[in-house]
Each structure stands twice: as structure tokens, then as C-alpha cells.
Amino acid sequence: MTRSEAPATLDAEHEALWMLGFFYLRNRRPDRAQTLFAALARLLPDDPRLARALALAQIRAGKGEHALATLDGLAMAGHLDPAFHLLRAQALDALGRTQEARAAMRAFIDGRQPPRASDAVGNR
């Protein structure tokens, strides 16, 4: 994750914590990343990118149930984008919930495909 991908609402201190969180993720310290992202998410609860980062850290820390709870918050706020479905698939897979993980992965794949021309015009 680059500096430009940090949430736009972060001030310098929050951005430093954001970057440190991704440093920890990249260096196999998801437990520390989770702590930082959870703190940031409490400070900026309306930023879906922070919630997604927290869910990713929770998945990598082996806390799939916590990740699903974080993702439920995103869903309740209406943030059902492809990244949400990918993270949900990963969390469900980590919990051994294979069928649900497959459905979430299908939603991810479907969300990533560009709309077909026939969908835009409609079937006549």
C-alpha cells in the first residue's frame, strides 16, 4: 500500500499509523497491524478503507470471527464492494466455512467483471 492509497481524511499522525500498520502486515506481524488499524478505525469510524485494513489484519492474525464482525459493520454501512467480498471469502475460508467462502468469492468475481453491452441496453 502506498502513501497515496491512505484514506484522504488522515492527518500526518494518523497516516503514520496507517503506514506502520501496513509495514507490520508486510512483515508478518498482523497482530500489531490489527492493533493499529483498530485504533484508527475507532478514531475514524466512517472510513471503509480502515475497516477493510482491520479485517485484513484480523484474517492474517487468525481471527476470522473478528474479521467477519468487522465486515458486518461494513455491510451495514452499505460498503459491499468487490474488496468486501474478497475479504469475506478469506475470513470464511479461514474458518472452514467452505460453501459460504465460495459464494463470497463468486460475488467478488462477479463484482470485478465489467458489465456486458447486453446488460446496459437490456434484452429486447
N, C-alpha and C. Protein backbone atom coordinates (compact mmCIF):
# COMPACT_ATOMS: atom_id res chain seq x y z
N MET A 1 0.86 -1.16 0.00
CA MET A 1 0.00 0.00 0.00
C MET A 1 0.91 1.23 0.00
N THR A 2 0.64 2.13 -0.87
CA THR A 2 1.47 3.32 -0.96
C THR A 2 0.86 4.47 -0.17
N ARG A 3 1.63 5.48 -0.03
CA ARG A 3 1.16 6.64 0.72
C ARG A 3 -0.09 7.23 0.10
N SER A 4 -0.16 7.25 -1.22
CA SER A 4 -1.31 7.83 -1.90
C SER A 4 -2.59 7.02 -1.69
N GLU A 5 -2.47 5.77 -1.26
CA GLU A 5 -3.64 4.94 -1.04
C GLU A 5 -4.20 5.07 0.37
N ALA A 6 -3.54 5.83 1.21
CA ALA A 6 -4.05 6.05 2.55
C ALA A 6 -5.34 6.85 2.48
N PRO A 7 -6.25 6.62 3.42
CA PRO A 7 -7.50 7.39 3.40
C PRO A 7 -7.23 8.88 3.37
N ALA A 8 -7.99 9.60 2.58
CA ALA A 8 -7.77 11.02 2.37
C ALA A 8 -8.00 11.85 3.63
N THR A 9 -8.75 11.34 4.58
CA THR A 9 -9.09 12.11 5.77
C THR A 9 -8.04 12.05 6.86
N LEU A 10 -6.94 11.35 6.64
CA LEU A 10 -5.95 11.18 7.68
C LEU A 10 -5.02 12.39 7.78
N ASP A 11 -4.78 12.81 9.02
CA ASP A 11 -3.75 13.82 9.22
C ASP A 11 -2.40 13.11 9.31
N ALA A 12 -1.33 13.84 9.52
CA ALA A 12 0.02 13.26 9.48
C ALA A 12 0.20 12.14 10.51
N GLU A 13 -0.31 12.33 11.71
CA GLU A 13 -0.15 11.31 12.75
C GLU A 13 -0.92 10.03 12.40
N HIS A 14 -2.15 10.21 11.93
CA HIS A 14 -2.96 9.05 11.57
C HIS A 14 -2.36 8.34 10.35
N GLU A 15 -1.85 9.11 9.42
CA GLU A 15 -1.24 8.50 8.24
C GLU A 15 0.00 7.69 8.63
N ALA A 16 0.75 8.18 9.61
CA ALA A 16 1.93 7.44 10.08
C ALA A 16 1.50 6.09 10.68
N LEU A 17 0.41 6.09 11.43
CA LEU A 17 -0.10 4.83 11.98
C LEU A 17 -0.60 3.90 10.87
N TRP A 18 -1.26 4.47 9.85
CA TRP A 18 -1.72 3.71 8.70
C TRP A 18 -0.54 3.01 8.02
N MET A 19 0.51 3.78 7.76
CA MET A 19 1.69 3.22 7.09
C MET A 19 2.37 2.16 7.96
N LEU A 20 2.46 2.42 9.26
CA LEU A 20 3.06 1.45 10.18
C LEU A 20 2.25 0.16 10.20
N GLY A 21 0.93 0.29 10.17
CA GLY A 21 0.07 -0.90 10.13
C GLY A 21 0.37 -1.76 8.92
N PHE A 22 0.53 -1.13 7.74
CA PHE A 22 0.85 -1.91 6.55
C PHE A 22 2.28 -2.43 6.57
N PHE A 23 3.17 -1.72 7.23
CA PHE A 23 4.52 -2.23 7.42
C PHE A 23 4.46 -3.54 8.21
N TYR A 24 3.68 -3.53 9.29
CA TYR A 24 3.53 -4.75 10.09
C TYR A 24 2.88 -5.88 9.28
N LEU A 25 1.88 -5.57 8.48
CA LEU A 25 1.26 -6.61 7.66
C LEU A 25 2.27 -7.22 6.69
N ARG A 26 3.04 -6.39 6.05
CA ARG A 26 4.01 -6.89 5.07
C ARG A 26 5.14 -7.67 5.72
N ASN A 27 5.37 -7.44 7.00
CA ASN A 27 6.46 -8.10 7.70
C ASN A 27 5.95 -9.14 8.70
N ARG A 28 4.80 -9.70 8.38
CA ARG A 28 4.23 -10.84 9.11
C ARG A 28 4.00 -10.57 10.60
N ARG A 29 3.47 -9.39 10.88
CA ARG A 29 3.09 -9.02 12.24
C ARG A 29 1.65 -8.53 12.25
N PRO A 30 0.71 -9.38 11.81
CA PRO A 30 -0.68 -8.93 11.70
C PRO A 30 -1.31 -8.56 13.04
N ASP A 31 -0.81 -9.14 14.12
CA ASP A 31 -1.33 -8.80 15.44
C ASP A 31 -1.08 -7.33 15.75
N ARG A 32 0.09 -6.84 15.42
CA ARG A 32 0.40 -5.43 15.64
C ARG A 32 -0.37 -4.53 14.68
N ALA A 33 -0.48 -4.97 13.44
CA ALA A 33 -1.26 -4.20 12.45
C ALA A 33 -2.71 -4.09 12.91
N GLN A 34 -3.24 -5.18 13.41
CA GLN A 34 -4.62 -5.18 13.89
C GLN A 34 -4.82 -4.15 14.99
N THR A 35 -3.89 -4.05 15.90
CA THR A 35 -3.99 -3.08 16.98
C THR A 35 -4.02 -1.65 16.44
N LEU A 36 -3.13 -1.35 15.49
CA LEU A 36 -3.09 -0.01 14.92
C LEU A 36 -4.35 0.31 14.13
N PHE A 37 -4.78 -0.62 13.29
CA PHE A 37 -5.97 -0.37 12.48
C PHE A 37 -7.23 -0.27 13.34
N ALA A 38 -7.29 -1.04 14.41
CA ALA A 38 -8.45 -0.94 15.31
C ALA A 38 -8.50 0.44 15.97
N ALA A 39 -7.34 0.93 16.37
CA ALA A 39 -7.29 2.27 16.97
C ALA A 39 -7.71 3.34 15.96
N LEU A 40 -7.19 3.23 14.76
CA LEU A 40 -7.56 4.20 13.72
C LEU A 40 -9.05 4.11 13.38
N ALA A 41 -9.58 2.90 13.32
CA ALA A 41 -10.99 2.72 13.00
C ALA A 41 -11.89 3.33 14.08
N ARG A 42 -11.42 3.33 15.30
CA ARG A 42 -12.20 3.98 16.37
C ARG A 42 -12.16 5.50 16.24
N LEU A 43 -11.02 6.00 15.80
CA LEU A 43 -10.88 7.45 15.62
C LEU A 43 -11.64 7.94 14.39
N LEU A 44 -11.68 7.11 13.35
CA LEU A 44 -12.31 7.47 12.08
C LEU A 44 -13.28 6.36 11.67
N PRO A 45 -14.40 6.22 12.39
CA PRO A 45 -15.29 5.07 12.17
C PRO A 45 -16.01 5.05 10.83
N ASP A 46 -16.05 6.16 10.13
CA ASP A 46 -16.78 6.21 8.87
C ASP A 46 -15.93 5.95 7.64
N ASP A 47 -14.69 5.53 7.84
CA ASP A 47 -13.80 5.29 6.70
C ASP A 47 -13.74 3.79 6.40
N PRO A 48 -14.36 3.37 5.30
CA PRO A 48 -14.40 1.93 5.00
C PRO A 48 -13.03 1.34 4.71
N ARG A 49 -12.08 2.15 4.24
CA ARG A 49 -10.74 1.62 3.97
C ARG A 49 -10.06 1.18 5.26
N LEU A 50 -10.29 1.88 6.34
CA LEU A 50 -9.72 1.47 7.61
C LEU A 50 -10.35 0.17 8.10
N ALA A 51 -11.65 0.04 7.91
CA ALA A 51 -12.32 -1.20 8.32
C ALA A 51 -11.83 -2.37 7.49
N ARG A 52 -11.62 -2.16 6.18
CA ARG A 52 -11.09 -3.24 5.34
C ARG A 52 -9.67 -3.61 5.77
N ALA A 53 -8.85 -2.62 6.09
CA ALA A 53 -7.49 -2.90 6.55
C ALA A 53 -7.52 -3.68 7.87
N LEU A 54 -8.42 -3.30 8.76
CA LEU A 54 -8.57 -4.01 10.02
C LEU A 54 -8.99 -5.46 9.77
N ALA A 55 -9.96 -5.67 8.90
CA ALA A 55 -10.41 -7.04 8.59
C ALA A 55 -9.27 -7.86 8.02
N LEU A 56 -8.48 -7.28 7.13
CA LEU A 56 -7.34 -7.99 6.56
C LEU A 56 -6.35 -8.41 7.65
N ALA A 57 -6.04 -7.48 8.55
CA ALA A 57 -5.12 -7.81 9.65
C ALA A 57 -5.71 -8.90 10.53
N GLN A 58 -7.00 -8.84 10.79
CA GLN A 58 -7.64 -9.86 11.62
C GLN A 58 -7.58 -11.23 10.95
N ILE A 59 -7.80 -11.27 9.64
CA ILE A 59 -7.72 -12.54 8.91
C ILE A 59 -6.31 -13.11 9.02
N ARG A 60 -5.33 -12.27 8.77
CA ARG A 60 -3.94 -12.74 8.82
C ARG A 60 -3.49 -13.10 10.22
N ALA A 61 -4.14 -12.54 11.23
CA ALA A 61 -3.81 -12.88 12.62
C ALA A 61 -4.55 -14.12 13.09
N GLY A 62 -5.35 -14.72 12.19
CA GLY A 62 -6.07 -15.93 12.56
C GLY A 62 -7.34 -15.67 13.35
N LYS A 63 -7.89 -14.47 13.22
CA LYS A 63 -9.10 -14.10 13.95
C LYS A 63 -10.25 -13.88 12.98
N GLY A 64 -10.63 -14.96 12.32
CA GLY A 64 -11.67 -14.91 11.31
C GLY A 64 -13.00 -14.40 11.81
N GLU A 65 -13.38 -14.80 13.02
CA GLU A 65 -14.66 -14.34 13.58
C GLU A 65 -14.65 -12.83 13.78
N HIS A 66 -13.52 -12.30 14.26
CA HIS A 66 -13.40 -10.85 14.43
C HIS A 66 -13.48 -10.15 13.07
N ALA A 67 -12.83 -10.75 12.07
CA ALA A 67 -12.87 -10.17 10.72
C ALA A 67 -14.30 -10.14 10.20
N LEU A 68 -15.05 -11.22 10.42
CA LEU A 68 -16.44 -11.23 9.96
C LEU A 68 -17.26 -10.16 10.66
N ALA A 69 -17.01 -9.94 11.94
CA ALA A 69 -17.72 -8.88 12.67
C ALA A 69 -17.37 -7.50 12.10
N THR A 70 -16.10 -7.30 11.78
CA THR A 70 -15.68 -6.04 11.17
C THR A 70 -16.36 -5.87 9.81
N LEU A 71 -16.39 -6.94 9.03
CA LEU A 71 -17.02 -6.89 7.71
C LEU A 71 -18.54 -6.70 7.81
N ASP A 72 -19.15 -7.23 8.85
CA ASP A 72 -20.58 -7.00 9.06
C ASP A 72 -20.86 -5.51 9.24
N GLY A 73 -19.96 -4.81 9.94
CA GLY A 73 -20.10 -3.37 10.10
C GLY A 73 -20.04 -2.65 8.76
N LEU A 74 -19.13 -3.10 7.90
CA LEU A 74 -19.04 -2.52 6.56
C LEU A 74 -20.33 -2.77 5.77
N ALA A 75 -20.84 -3.98 5.87
CA ALA A 75 -22.07 -4.32 5.15
C ALA A 75 -23.24 -3.47 5.64
N MET A 76 -23.33 -3.27 6.93
CA MET A 76 -24.41 -2.47 7.50
C MET A 76 -24.33 -1.02 7.02
N ALA A 77 -23.12 -0.55 6.74
CA ALA A 77 -22.92 0.81 6.24
C ALA A 77 -23.07 0.90 4.72
N GLY A 78 -23.33 -0.25 4.06
CA GLY A 78 -23.55 -0.25 2.62
C GLY A 78 -22.30 -0.33 1.78
N HIS A 79 -21.19 -0.75 2.36
CA HIS A 79 -19.93 -0.84 1.61
C HIS A 79 -19.69 -2.26 1.11
N LEU A 80 -20.51 -2.68 0.16
CA LEU A 80 -20.43 -4.03 -0.39
C LEU A 80 -19.73 -4.01 -1.75
N ASP A 81 -18.47 -3.68 -1.74
CA ASP A 81 -17.69 -3.63 -2.98
C ASP A 81 -16.94 -4.95 -3.16
N PRO A 82 -16.26 -5.13 -4.29
CA PRO A 82 -15.53 -6.39 -4.50
C PRO A 82 -14.52 -6.70 -3.39
N ALA A 83 -13.83 -5.69 -2.87
CA ALA A 83 -12.86 -5.93 -1.80
C ALA A 83 -13.55 -6.53 -0.57
N PHE A 84 -14.75 -6.07 -0.26
CA PHE A 84 -15.52 -6.63 0.86
C PHE A 84 -15.72 -8.13 0.65
N HIS A 85 -16.17 -8.50 -0.56
CA HIS A 85 -16.46 -9.91 -0.83
C HIS A 85 -15.20 -10.77 -0.80
N LEU A 86 -14.08 -10.22 -1.27
CA LEU A 86 -12.82 -10.97 -1.22
C LEU A 86 -12.39 -11.20 0.22
N LEU A 87 -12.45 -10.17 1.04
CA LEU A 87 -12.08 -10.32 2.45
C LEU A 87 -13.03 -11.30 3.15
N ARG A 88 -14.29 -11.21 2.84
CA ARG A 88 -15.27 -12.13 3.44
C ARG A 88 -14.96 -13.57 3.04
N ALA A 89 -14.62 -13.78 1.77
CA ALA A 89 -14.26 -15.13 1.32
C ALA A 89 -13.05 -15.65 2.08
N GLN A 90 -12.07 -14.81 2.28
CA GLN A 90 -10.86 -15.22 3.00
C GLN A 90 -11.17 -15.53 4.46
N ALA A 91 -11.99 -14.70 5.10
CA ALA A 91 -12.34 -14.95 6.50
C ALA A 91 -13.14 -16.24 6.64
N LEU A 92 -14.10 -16.44 5.77
CA LEU A 92 -14.90 -17.67 5.83
C LEU A 92 -14.06 -18.90 5.56
N ASP A 93 -13.15 -18.81 4.60
CA ASP A 93 -12.26 -19.93 4.29
C ASP A 93 -11.38 -20.26 5.50
N ALA A 94 -10.87 -19.23 6.16
CA ALA A 94 -10.03 -19.44 7.34
C ALA A 94 -10.79 -20.15 8.45
N LEU A 95 -12.10 -19.96 8.47
CA LEU A 95 -12.94 -20.60 9.49
C LEU A 95 -13.46 -21.97 9.05
N GLY A 96 -13.07 -22.39 7.84
CA GLY A 96 -13.50 -23.68 7.33
C GLY A 96 -14.92 -23.68 6.81
N ARG A 97 -15.48 -22.53 6.55
CA ARG A 97 -16.85 -22.41 6.04
C ARG A 97 -16.79 -22.32 4.51
N THR A 98 -16.47 -23.45 3.92
CA THR A 98 -16.11 -23.53 2.50
C THR A 98 -17.23 -23.08 1.57
N GLN A 99 -18.44 -23.54 1.79
CA GLN A 99 -19.54 -23.18 0.89
C GLN A 99 -19.80 -21.68 0.91
N GLU A 100 -19.79 -21.10 2.09
CA GLU A 100 -20.01 -19.66 2.20
C GLU A 100 -18.84 -18.89 1.57
N ALA A 101 -17.64 -19.42 1.75
CA ALA A 101 -16.46 -18.78 1.15
C ALA A 101 -16.55 -18.80 -0.37
N ARG A 102 -17.03 -19.91 -0.93
CA ARG A 102 -17.20 -19.99 -2.38
C ARG A 102 -18.21 -18.97 -2.88
N ALA A 103 -19.30 -18.82 -2.16
CA ALA A 103 -20.33 -17.85 -2.56
C ALA A 103 -19.77 -16.42 -2.50
N ALA A 104 -18.99 -16.13 -1.46
CA ALA A 104 -18.39 -14.80 -1.34
C ALA A 104 -17.37 -14.57 -2.45
N MET A 105 -16.62 -15.60 -2.80
CA MET A 105 -15.65 -15.47 -3.89
C MET A 105 -16.37 -15.26 -5.21
N ARG A 106 -17.49 -15.92 -5.41
CA ARG A 106 -18.28 -15.72 -6.62
C ARG A 106 -18.77 -14.27 -6.68
N ALA A 107 -19.21 -13.73 -5.55
CA ALA A 107 -19.65 -12.32 -5.51
C ALA A 107 -18.48 -11.39 -5.84
N PHE A 108 -17.29 -11.74 -5.36
CA PHE A 108 -16.09 -10.94 -5.69
C PHE A 108 -15.84 -10.97 -7.19
N ILE A 109 -15.84 -12.17 -7.77
CA ILE A 109 -15.56 -12.30 -9.21
C ILE A 109 -16.63 -11.58 -10.03
N ASP A 110 -17.87 -11.76 -9.66
CA ASP A 110 -18.96 -11.10 -10.39
C ASP A 110 -18.84 -9.58 -10.30
N GLY A 111 -18.41 -9.09 -9.16
CA GLY A 111 -18.26 -7.65 -8.97
C GLY A 111 -17.09 -7.06 -9.72
N ARG A 112 -16.12 -7.88 -10.09
CA ARG A 112 -14.94 -7.41 -10.81
C ARG A 112 -15.13 -7.42 -12.32
N GLN A 113 -16.12 -8.11 -12.80
CA GLN A 113 -16.32 -8.21 -14.25
C GLN A 113 -17.03 -6.96 -14.75
N PRO A 114 -16.54 -6.43 -15.87
CA PRO A 114 -17.22 -5.26 -16.45
C PRO A 114 -18.60 -5.66 -16.95
N PRO A 115 -19.55 -4.74 -16.90
CA PRO A 115 -20.89 -5.09 -17.40
C PRO A 115 -20.85 -5.38 -18.89
N ARG A 116 -21.65 -6.33 -19.30
CA ARG A 116 -21.75 -6.68 -20.71
C ARG A 116 -22.60 -5.64 -21.43
N ALA A 117 -22.36 -5.46 -22.72
CA ALA A 117 -23.12 -4.50 -23.51
C ALA A 117 -24.60 -4.84 -23.49
N SER A 118 -24.92 -6.11 -23.50
CA SER A 118 -26.33 -6.52 -23.49
C SER A 118 -27.01 -6.15 -22.18
N ASP A 119 -26.23 -6.08 -21.07
CA ASP A 119 -26.80 -5.68 -19.78
C ASP A 119 -27.14 -4.19 -19.78
N ALA A 120 -26.32 -3.40 -20.47
CA ALA A 120 -26.54 -1.96 -20.49
C ALA A 120 -27.76 -1.59 -21.33
N VAL A 121 -27.95 -2.30 -22.41
CA VAL A 121 -29.05 -1.98 -23.32
C VAL A 121 -30.32 -2.70 -22.91
N GLY A 122 -30.17 -3.85 -22.34
CA GLY A 122 -31.32 -4.68 -21.99
C GLY A 122 -31.64 -5.64 -23.11
N ASN A 123 -32.24 -6.72 -22.78
CA ASN A 123 -32.61 -7.72 -23.80
C ASN A 123 -33.92 -7.32 -24.44
N ARG A 124 -33.91 -7.15 -25.74
CA ARG A 124 -35.11 -6.73 -26.46
C ARG A 124 -35.68 -7.85 -27.27
